[in-house]
Amino acid sequence: MREVRALAASVTDPEMPMLTLEDLGVLRSVSVEDDGLVVVTITPTYSGCPAMATMRDDLVHRLADHGLRAVVRVSLAPAWSSDWITPRGRQLLAQHGISAPLAVPPRSGPVPIALRPLPRDLTCPRCGSDGVVLASEFGPTACRAMYGCTDCLESFEHVKEI
């Protein structure tokens, strides 16, 4: 069972291939049924995440390459949180010049809707400066924003907090 989980955990995210699905916190569970079928459960970072089909296919192919039959289930509850990104995942993001999300504050009751980008207390993953400015709330994917550093003048992506 441990080997099967390790195989599933080694599948990389199609949008940020420096991270595995485990690093990203998307891989929820792996089990093997009595008939040998591997059941993998994943949770999308966003309910409409376009990478889910690729994640599913990559998981099924990785396991099939090792002679295993697999099915991938999607679980929407509890909803994925950026807090699920592992410490290793956060370190890899920084090593690749991507700012990791900050801790999500505890919430209770209704979630207020903001019509402006949320202010974030970020530092540049390249030089460590806190002189950063939001360039666009919309990055290459729905889960990332674009920032610029006023010190090293490099732009960088930031994984949004959820």
N, C-alpha and C. Protein backbone atom coordinates (compact mmCIF):
# COMPACT_ATOMS: atom_id res chain seq x y z
N MET A 1 0.83 -1.20 0.00
CA MET A 1 0.00 0.00 0.00
C MET A 1 0.87 1.26 0.00
N ARG A 2 1.94 1.23 0.77
CA ARG A 2 2.82 2.39 0.85
C ARG A 2 3.42 2.72 -0.52
N GLU A 3 3.75 1.68 -1.29
CA GLU A 3 4.32 1.88 -2.62
C GLU A 3 3.29 2.49 -3.58
N VAL A 4 2.04 2.07 -3.45
CA VAL A 4 0.97 2.59 -4.30
C VAL A 4 0.76 4.07 -3.99
N ARG A 5 0.73 4.42 -2.73
CA ARG A 5 0.58 5.83 -2.34
C ARG A 5 1.75 6.64 -2.87
N ALA A 6 2.97 6.11 -2.76
CA ALA A 6 4.15 6.82 -3.24
C ALA A 6 4.08 7.06 -4.75
N LEU A 7 3.55 6.10 -5.50
CA LEU A 7 3.38 6.30 -6.95
C LEU A 7 2.42 7.45 -7.22
N ALA A 8 1.27 7.43 -6.56
CA ALA A 8 0.29 8.50 -6.76
C ALA A 8 0.85 9.84 -6.31
N ALA A 9 1.56 9.82 -5.20
CA ALA A 9 2.12 11.06 -4.65
C ALA A 9 3.20 11.66 -5.53
N SER A 10 3.77 10.87 -6.42
CA SER A 10 4.86 11.36 -7.28
C SER A 10 4.36 12.06 -8.55
N VAL A 11 3.07 12.01 -8.82
CA VAL A 11 2.52 12.66 -10.02
C VAL A 11 2.61 14.17 -9.83
N THR A 12 3.08 14.86 -10.86
CA THR A 12 3.27 16.31 -10.76
C THR A 12 2.03 17.08 -11.22
N ASP A 13 1.93 18.29 -10.72
CA ASP A 13 0.86 19.20 -11.11
C ASP A 13 1.12 19.66 -12.54
N PRO A 14 0.13 19.61 -13.42
CA PRO A 14 0.36 20.00 -14.81
C PRO A 14 0.64 21.50 -15.01
N GLU A 15 0.19 22.33 -14.08
CA GLU A 15 0.41 23.77 -14.22
C GLU A 15 1.65 24.25 -13.49
N MET A 16 2.07 23.54 -12.47
CA MET A 16 3.29 23.88 -11.73
C MET A 16 4.07 22.58 -11.53
N PRO A 17 4.76 22.12 -12.57
CA PRO A 17 5.37 20.79 -12.54
C PRO A 17 6.51 20.62 -11.55
N MET A 18 6.91 21.66 -10.88
CA MET A 18 7.91 21.50 -9.81
C MET A 18 7.28 20.90 -8.56
N LEU A 19 5.94 20.88 -8.52
CA LEU A 19 5.20 20.35 -7.37
C LEU A 19 4.53 19.03 -7.72
N THR A 20 4.52 18.12 -6.77
CA THR A 20 3.70 16.92 -6.93
C THR A 20 2.29 17.25 -6.43
N LEU A 21 1.35 16.38 -6.74
CA LEU A 21 -0.01 16.59 -6.25
C LEU A 21 -0.03 16.53 -4.72
N GLU A 22 0.89 15.76 -4.15
CA GLU A 22 0.99 15.73 -2.69
C GLU A 22 1.54 17.05 -2.16
N ASP A 23 2.59 17.59 -2.80
CA ASP A 23 3.15 18.88 -2.39
C ASP A 23 2.07 19.96 -2.40
N LEU A 24 1.23 19.92 -3.42
CA LEU A 24 0.19 20.93 -3.59
C LEU A 24 -0.98 20.72 -2.62
N GLY A 25 -1.07 19.54 -2.02
CA GLY A 25 -2.16 19.26 -1.10
C GLY A 25 -3.43 18.81 -1.79
N VAL A 26 -3.33 18.46 -3.06
CA VAL A 26 -4.48 18.04 -3.84
C VAL A 26 -4.78 16.55 -3.63
N LEU A 27 -3.75 15.75 -3.39
CA LEU A 27 -3.91 14.31 -3.18
C LEU A 27 -4.49 14.07 -1.79
N ARG A 28 -5.71 13.56 -1.74
CA ARG A 28 -6.40 13.37 -0.45
C ARG A 28 -6.20 11.99 0.12
N SER A 29 -6.43 10.97 -0.71
CA SER A 29 -6.30 9.61 -0.20
C SER A 29 -6.02 8.63 -1.33
N VAL A 30 -5.44 7.50 -0.96
CA VAL A 30 -5.17 6.41 -1.88
C VAL A 30 -5.52 5.13 -1.13
N SER A 31 -6.37 4.30 -1.73
CA SER A 31 -6.72 3.03 -1.10
C SER A 31 -6.75 1.94 -2.18
N VAL A 32 -6.62 0.71 -1.74
CA VAL A 32 -6.68 -0.43 -2.65
C VAL A 32 -7.83 -1.31 -2.20
N GLU A 33 -8.79 -1.54 -3.11
CA GLU A 33 -9.95 -2.37 -2.79
C GLU A 33 -9.57 -3.84 -2.87
N ASP A 34 -10.47 -4.71 -2.41
CA ASP A 34 -10.20 -6.14 -2.37
C ASP A 34 -9.87 -6.72 -3.75
N ASP A 35 -10.48 -6.18 -4.80
CA ASP A 35 -10.22 -6.69 -6.15
C ASP A 35 -8.97 -6.08 -6.78
N GLY A 36 -8.21 -5.28 -6.02
CA GLY A 36 -6.97 -4.69 -6.51
C GLY A 36 -7.13 -3.32 -7.15
N LEU A 37 -8.36 -2.83 -7.28
CA LEU A 37 -8.57 -1.51 -7.85
C LEU A 37 -8.04 -0.43 -6.90
N VAL A 38 -7.22 0.45 -7.45
CA VAL A 38 -6.68 1.57 -6.67
C VAL A 38 -7.66 2.74 -6.79
N VAL A 39 -8.07 3.27 -5.66
CA VAL A 39 -8.99 4.41 -5.63
C VAL A 39 -8.21 5.61 -5.09
N VAL A 40 -8.08 6.62 -5.94
CA VAL A 40 -7.35 7.83 -5.57
C VAL A 40 -8.37 8.96 -5.47
N THR A 41 -8.30 9.73 -4.40
CA THR A 41 -9.20 10.87 -4.22
C THR A 41 -8.38 12.14 -4.24
N ILE A 42 -8.82 13.09 -5.07
CA ILE A 42 -8.16 14.39 -5.16
C ILE A 42 -9.19 15.49 -4.96
N THR A 43 -8.70 16.65 -4.54
CA THR A 43 -9.54 17.83 -4.37
C THR A 43 -8.97 18.96 -5.21
N PRO A 44 -9.77 19.58 -6.06
CA PRO A 44 -9.25 20.67 -6.89
C PRO A 44 -8.95 21.92 -6.08
N THR A 45 -7.98 22.68 -6.55
CA THR A 45 -7.68 23.94 -5.90
C THR A 45 -8.82 24.93 -6.09
N TYR A 46 -9.50 24.84 -7.22
CA TYR A 46 -10.71 25.62 -7.53
C TYR A 46 -11.73 24.64 -8.07
N SER A 47 -13.01 24.86 -7.81
CA SER A 47 -14.02 23.91 -8.28
C SER A 47 -14.05 23.81 -9.81
N GLY A 48 -13.61 24.82 -10.50
CA GLY A 48 -13.58 24.78 -11.96
C GLY A 48 -12.18 24.62 -12.53
N CYS A 49 -11.27 24.07 -11.75
CA CYS A 49 -9.87 23.95 -12.16
C CYS A 49 -9.75 23.15 -13.45
N PRO A 50 -9.23 23.75 -14.53
CA PRO A 50 -9.13 23.04 -15.80
C PRO A 50 -8.07 21.94 -15.81
N ALA A 51 -7.22 21.90 -14.80
CA ALA A 51 -6.16 20.90 -14.76
C ALA A 51 -6.63 19.56 -14.18
N MET A 52 -7.85 19.50 -13.67
CA MET A 52 -8.32 18.27 -13.02
C MET A 52 -8.32 17.07 -13.95
N ALA A 53 -8.74 17.24 -15.19
CA ALA A 53 -8.76 16.11 -16.12
C ALA A 53 -7.35 15.59 -16.37
N THR A 54 -6.40 16.51 -16.49
CA THR A 54 -5.01 16.10 -16.70
C THR A 54 -4.46 15.40 -15.46
N MET A 55 -4.78 15.92 -14.28
CA MET A 55 -4.35 15.27 -13.04
C MET A 55 -4.88 13.84 -12.99
N ARG A 56 -6.17 13.69 -13.29
CA ARG A 56 -6.80 12.37 -13.27
C ARG A 56 -6.10 11.43 -14.25
N ASP A 57 -5.92 11.90 -15.48
CA ASP A 57 -5.28 11.06 -16.49
C ASP A 57 -3.85 10.69 -16.10
N ASP A 58 -3.11 11.66 -15.57
CA ASP A 58 -1.73 11.40 -15.16
C ASP A 58 -1.67 10.37 -14.04
N LEU A 59 -2.59 10.45 -13.09
CA LEU A 59 -2.64 9.47 -12.01
C LEU A 59 -2.95 8.07 -12.54
N VAL A 60 -3.97 7.98 -13.39
CA VAL A 60 -4.36 6.67 -13.95
C VAL A 60 -3.20 6.09 -14.76
N HIS A 61 -2.53 6.91 -15.57
CA HIS A 61 -1.42 6.42 -16.39
C HIS A 61 -0.22 6.01 -15.54
N ARG A 62 0.10 6.79 -14.52
CA ARG A 62 1.24 6.45 -13.67
C ARG A 62 1.02 5.09 -13.00
N LEU A 63 -0.19 4.89 -12.49
CA LEU A 63 -0.49 3.62 -11.83
C LEU A 63 -0.56 2.47 -12.84
N ALA A 64 -1.13 2.73 -14.02
CA ALA A 64 -1.21 1.69 -15.07
C ALA A 64 0.19 1.29 -15.54
N ASP A 65 1.11 2.25 -15.59
CA ASP A 65 2.49 1.94 -15.98
C ASP A 65 3.15 0.95 -15.02
N HIS A 66 2.57 0.83 -13.83
CA HIS A 66 3.08 -0.11 -12.83
C HIS A 66 2.13 -1.30 -12.64
N GLY A 67 1.28 -1.52 -13.64
CA GLY A 67 0.40 -2.69 -13.65
C GLY A 67 -0.81 -2.59 -12.75
N LEU A 68 -1.19 -1.37 -12.37
CA LEU A 68 -2.31 -1.18 -11.46
C LEU A 68 -3.52 -0.57 -12.17
N ARG A 69 -4.71 -1.07 -11.85
CA ARG A 69 -5.95 -0.46 -12.33
C ARG A 69 -6.34 0.61 -11.33
N ALA A 70 -6.77 1.76 -11.84
CA ALA A 70 -7.08 2.86 -10.91
C ALA A 70 -8.30 3.64 -11.38
N VAL A 71 -8.96 4.22 -10.39
CA VAL A 71 -10.03 5.16 -10.63
C VAL A 71 -9.73 6.37 -9.75
N VAL A 72 -10.03 7.56 -10.28
CA VAL A 72 -9.78 8.79 -9.54
C VAL A 72 -11.12 9.43 -9.22
N ARG A 73 -11.31 9.73 -7.96
CA ARG A 73 -12.53 10.40 -7.51
C ARG A 73 -12.18 11.82 -7.09
N VAL A 74 -13.13 12.70 -7.30
CA VAL A 74 -12.95 14.11 -6.92
C VAL A 74 -13.81 14.39 -5.70
N SER A 75 -13.20 14.95 -4.69
CA SER A 75 -13.93 15.33 -3.48
C SER A 75 -13.89 16.85 -3.34
N LEU A 76 -15.05 17.44 -3.24
CA LEU A 76 -15.14 18.90 -3.11
C LEU A 76 -15.27 19.36 -1.66
N ALA A 77 -15.42 18.41 -0.74
CA ALA A 77 -15.58 18.77 0.67
C ALA A 77 -14.66 17.91 1.52
N PRO A 78 -13.90 18.52 2.38
CA PRO A 78 -13.80 19.96 2.53
C PRO A 78 -13.09 20.58 1.33
N ALA A 79 -13.39 21.83 1.10
CA ALA A 79 -12.76 22.54 -0.01
C ALA A 79 -11.26 22.66 0.23
N TRP A 80 -10.49 22.59 -0.85
CA TRP A 80 -9.04 22.73 -0.75
C TRP A 80 -8.69 24.08 -0.16
N SER A 81 -7.63 24.10 0.61
CA SER A 81 -7.11 25.34 1.18
C SER A 81 -5.63 25.45 0.81
N SER A 82 -5.18 26.64 0.54
CA SER A 82 -3.76 26.83 0.26
C SER A 82 -2.90 26.46 1.46
N ASP A 83 -3.51 26.34 2.63
CA ASP A 83 -2.79 25.87 3.82
C ASP A 83 -2.36 24.41 3.66
N TRP A 84 -2.95 23.69 2.72
CA TRP A 84 -2.61 22.28 2.50
C TRP A 84 -1.31 22.11 1.72
N ILE A 85 -0.77 23.17 1.17
CA ILE A 85 0.53 23.06 0.48
C ILE A 85 1.56 22.69 1.53
N THR A 86 2.35 21.67 1.24
CA THR A 86 3.32 21.17 2.22
C THR A 86 4.49 22.15 2.36
N PRO A 87 5.24 22.06 3.46
CA PRO A 87 6.45 22.88 3.58
C PRO A 87 7.41 22.66 2.41
N ARG A 88 7.54 21.41 1.96
CA ARG A 88 8.39 21.13 0.79
C ARG A 88 7.84 21.85 -0.44
N GLY A 89 6.51 21.85 -0.60
CA GLY A 89 5.89 22.53 -1.72
C GLY A 89 6.15 24.03 -1.69
N ARG A 90 6.07 24.62 -0.52
CA ARG A 90 6.33 26.06 -0.36
C ARG A 90 7.79 26.38 -0.70
N GLN A 91 8.67 25.51 -0.26
CA GLN A 91 10.10 25.70 -0.55
C GLN A 91 10.36 25.59 -2.06
N LEU A 92 9.74 24.62 -2.72
CA LEU A 92 9.93 24.46 -4.16
C LEU A 92 9.36 25.65 -4.93
N LEU A 93 8.22 26.17 -4.50
CA LEU A 93 7.67 27.36 -5.16
C LEU A 93 8.68 28.50 -5.09
N ALA A 94 9.20 28.75 -3.90
CA ALA A 94 10.17 29.84 -3.72
C ALA A 94 11.42 29.61 -4.57
N GLN A 95 11.90 28.38 -4.64
CA GLN A 95 13.08 28.07 -5.44
C GLN A 95 12.85 28.32 -6.92
N HIS A 96 11.59 28.28 -7.35
CA HIS A 96 11.25 28.52 -8.74
C HIS A 96 10.72 29.94 -8.97
N GLY A 97 10.93 30.82 -7.98
CA GLY A 97 10.56 32.22 -8.15
C GLY A 97 9.08 32.49 -8.04
N ILE A 98 8.34 31.61 -7.39
CA ILE A 98 6.91 31.79 -7.20
C ILE A 98 6.64 31.99 -5.71
N SER A 99 5.92 33.04 -5.40
CA SER A 99 5.59 33.35 -4.02
C SER A 99 4.51 32.40 -3.51
N ALA A 100 4.77 31.75 -2.39
CA ALA A 100 3.80 30.83 -1.81
C ALA A 100 2.70 31.61 -1.10
N PRO A 101 1.51 31.04 -1.03
CA PRO A 101 0.41 31.74 -0.34
C PRO A 101 0.69 31.88 1.15
N LEU A 102 0.13 32.92 1.70
CA LEU A 102 0.22 33.15 3.14
C LEU A 102 -0.79 32.25 3.85
N ALA A 103 -0.69 32.16 5.15
CA ALA A 103 -1.66 31.38 5.91
C ALA A 103 -3.04 32.01 5.77
N VAL A 104 -4.04 31.17 5.65
CA VAL A 104 -5.41 31.66 5.54
C VAL A 104 -5.94 31.92 6.95
N PRO A 105 -6.44 33.14 7.20
CA PRO A 105 -6.97 33.42 8.54
C PRO A 105 -8.21 32.58 8.81
N PRO A 106 -8.43 32.21 10.07
CA PRO A 106 -9.64 31.44 10.41
C PRO A 106 -10.88 32.24 10.06
N ARG A 107 -11.89 31.53 9.58
CA ARG A 107 -13.14 32.18 9.20
C ARG A 107 -14.30 31.50 9.90
N SER A 108 -15.33 32.29 10.13
CA SER A 108 -16.59 31.72 10.60
C SER A 108 -17.70 32.60 10.07
N GLY A 109 -18.80 32.01 9.80
CA GLY A 109 -19.92 32.77 9.27
C GLY A 109 -19.73 33.08 7.79
N PRO A 110 -20.48 34.04 7.30
CA PRO A 110 -20.42 34.37 5.87
C PRO A 110 -19.03 34.90 5.49
N VAL A 111 -18.63 34.60 4.26
CA VAL A 111 -17.36 35.09 3.74
C VAL A 111 -17.65 36.37 2.97
N PRO A 112 -17.05 37.49 3.37
CA PRO A 112 -17.31 38.74 2.66
C PRO A 112 -16.71 38.69 1.25
N ILE A 113 -17.40 39.31 0.33
CA ILE A 113 -16.92 39.38 -1.04
C ILE A 113 -16.28 40.74 -1.25
N ALA A 114 -15.03 40.71 -1.69
CA ALA A 114 -14.31 41.96 -1.96
C ALA A 114 -14.26 42.17 -3.47
N LEU A 115 -14.53 43.38 -3.89
CA LEU A 115 -14.49 43.69 -5.31
C LEU A 115 -13.10 44.16 -5.75
N ARG A 116 -12.20 44.27 -4.81
CA ARG A 116 -10.82 44.65 -5.11
C ARG A 116 -9.91 43.49 -4.72
N PRO A 117 -8.71 43.46 -5.30
CA PRO A 117 -7.77 42.42 -4.87
C PRO A 117 -7.48 42.56 -3.37
N LEU A 118 -7.35 41.43 -2.71
CA LEU A 118 -7.04 41.45 -1.29
C LEU A 118 -5.60 41.91 -1.08
N PRO A 119 -5.37 42.78 -0.10
CA PRO A 119 -3.99 43.18 0.16
C PRO A 119 -3.22 41.99 0.74
N ARG A 120 -2.00 41.82 0.27
CA ARG A 120 -1.17 40.71 0.73
C ARG A 120 0.17 41.26 1.22
N ASP A 121 0.66 40.72 2.28
CA ASP A 121 1.95 41.12 2.84
C ASP A 121 3.00 40.15 2.31
N LEU A 122 3.52 40.42 1.11
CA LEU A 122 4.43 39.50 0.43
C LEU A 122 5.85 40.01 0.43
N THR A 123 6.76 39.08 0.20
CA THR A 123 8.15 39.43 -0.10
C THR A 123 8.51 38.79 -1.43
N CYS A 124 9.46 39.40 -2.10
CA CYS A 124 9.91 38.89 -3.39
C CYS A 124 10.62 37.55 -3.19
N PRO A 125 10.20 36.49 -3.92
CA PRO A 125 10.86 35.20 -3.75
C PRO A 125 12.27 35.18 -4.35
N ARG A 126 12.63 36.20 -5.11
CA ARG A 126 13.96 36.24 -5.73
C ARG A 126 14.98 36.94 -4.84
N CYS A 127 14.61 38.12 -4.28
CA CYS A 127 15.60 38.88 -3.50
C CYS A 127 15.19 39.06 -2.03
N GLY A 128 13.95 38.70 -1.67
CA GLY A 128 13.50 38.82 -0.29
C GLY A 128 12.98 40.19 0.09
N SER A 129 12.95 41.13 -0.83
CA SER A 129 12.48 42.48 -0.54
C SER A 129 10.98 42.48 -0.27
N ASP A 130 10.55 43.40 0.60
CA ASP A 130 9.11 43.56 0.81
C ASP A 130 8.55 44.68 -0.08
N GLY A 131 9.38 45.21 -0.95
CA GLY A 131 8.93 46.24 -1.90
C GLY A 131 8.32 45.60 -3.13
N VAL A 132 7.09 45.11 -2.98
CA VAL A 132 6.41 44.45 -4.08
C VAL A 132 5.10 45.16 -4.40
N VAL A 133 4.71 45.11 -5.66
CA VAL A 133 3.45 45.73 -6.09
C VAL A 133 2.68 44.73 -6.94
N LEU A 134 1.37 44.78 -6.79
CA LEU A 134 0.50 43.93 -7.58
C LEU A 134 0.48 44.45 -9.02
N ALA A 135 0.80 43.59 -9.96
CA ALA A 135 0.73 43.95 -11.37
C ALA A 135 -0.61 43.54 -11.96
N SER A 136 -1.07 42.34 -11.58
CA SER A 136 -2.36 41.86 -12.06
C SER A 136 -2.87 40.77 -11.12
N GLU A 137 -4.12 40.87 -10.75
CA GLU A 137 -4.73 39.82 -9.91
C GLU A 137 -4.90 38.53 -10.71
N PHE A 138 -4.74 38.63 -12.02
CA PHE A 138 -4.94 37.48 -12.89
C PHE A 138 -3.61 37.09 -13.51
N GLY A 139 -3.12 35.91 -13.12
CA GLY A 139 -1.86 35.39 -13.64
C GLY A 139 -2.11 34.38 -14.73
N PRO A 140 -1.14 33.51 -14.96
CA PRO A 140 -1.28 32.52 -16.03
C PRO A 140 -2.37 31.48 -15.76
N THR A 141 -2.75 31.32 -14.51
CA THR A 141 -3.87 30.45 -14.15
C THR A 141 -4.73 31.20 -13.14
N ALA A 142 -5.93 30.71 -12.91
CA ALA A 142 -6.87 31.38 -12.00
C ALA A 142 -6.35 31.43 -10.57
N CYS A 143 -5.45 30.52 -10.23
CA CYS A 143 -5.00 30.46 -8.84
C CYS A 143 -3.73 31.28 -8.59
N ARG A 144 -3.29 32.06 -9.57
CA ARG A 144 -2.06 32.85 -9.38
C ARG A 144 -2.27 34.30 -9.79
N ALA A 145 -1.55 35.19 -9.11
CA ALA A 145 -1.55 36.63 -9.41
C ALA A 145 -0.12 37.01 -9.80
N MET A 146 0.02 38.16 -10.45
CA MET A 146 1.34 38.64 -10.88
C MET A 146 1.74 39.86 -10.05
N TYR A 147 2.98 39.83 -9.59
CA TYR A 147 3.55 40.92 -8.80
C TYR A 147 4.87 41.35 -9.42
N GLY A 148 5.32 42.53 -9.02
CA GLY A 148 6.63 43.03 -9.41
C GLY A 148 7.38 43.50 -8.18
N CYS A 149 8.70 43.35 -8.22
CA CYS A 149 9.54 43.78 -7.11
C CYS A 149 10.15 45.14 -7.47
N THR A 150 10.02 46.10 -6.56
CA THR A 150 10.55 47.44 -6.82
C THR A 150 12.06 47.52 -6.57
N ASP A 151 12.64 46.49 -5.95
CA ASP A 151 14.09 46.50 -5.69
C ASP A 151 14.88 45.78 -6.77
N CYS A 152 14.55 44.50 -7.03
CA CYS A 152 15.32 43.76 -8.05
C CYS A 152 14.70 43.90 -9.43
N LEU A 153 13.50 44.52 -9.49
CA LEU A 153 12.78 44.80 -10.73
C LEU A 153 12.33 43.55 -11.48
N GLU A 154 12.29 42.42 -10.78
CA GLU A 154 11.80 41.17 -11.39
C GLU A 154 10.31 41.02 -11.13
N SER A 155 9.63 40.41 -12.07
CA SER A 155 8.23 40.07 -11.84
C SER A 155 8.18 38.64 -11.30
N PHE A 156 7.10 38.33 -10.60
CA PHE A 156 6.94 36.97 -10.09
C PHE A 156 5.47 36.65 -9.91
N GLU A 157 5.19 35.35 -9.87
CA GLU A 157 3.84 34.87 -9.65
C GLU A 157 3.64 34.63 -8.16
N HIS A 158 2.39 34.76 -7.74
CA HIS A 158 2.02 34.46 -6.35
C HIS A 158 0.83 33.52 -6.37
N VAL A 159 0.93 32.40 -5.67
CA VAL A 159 -0.20 31.48 -5.55
C VAL A 159 -1.18 32.10 -4.56
N LYS A 160 -2.41 32.30 -5.00
CA LYS A 160 -3.41 32.98 -4.17
C LYS A 160 -3.83 32.14 -2.98
N GLU A 161 -4.15 32.83 -1.90
CA GLU A 161 -4.64 32.20 -0.70
C GLU A 161 -6.11 31.84 -0.88
N ILE A 162 -6.46 30.67 -0.44
CA ILE A 162 -7.86 30.23 -0.52
C ILE A 162 -8.22 29.63 0.81
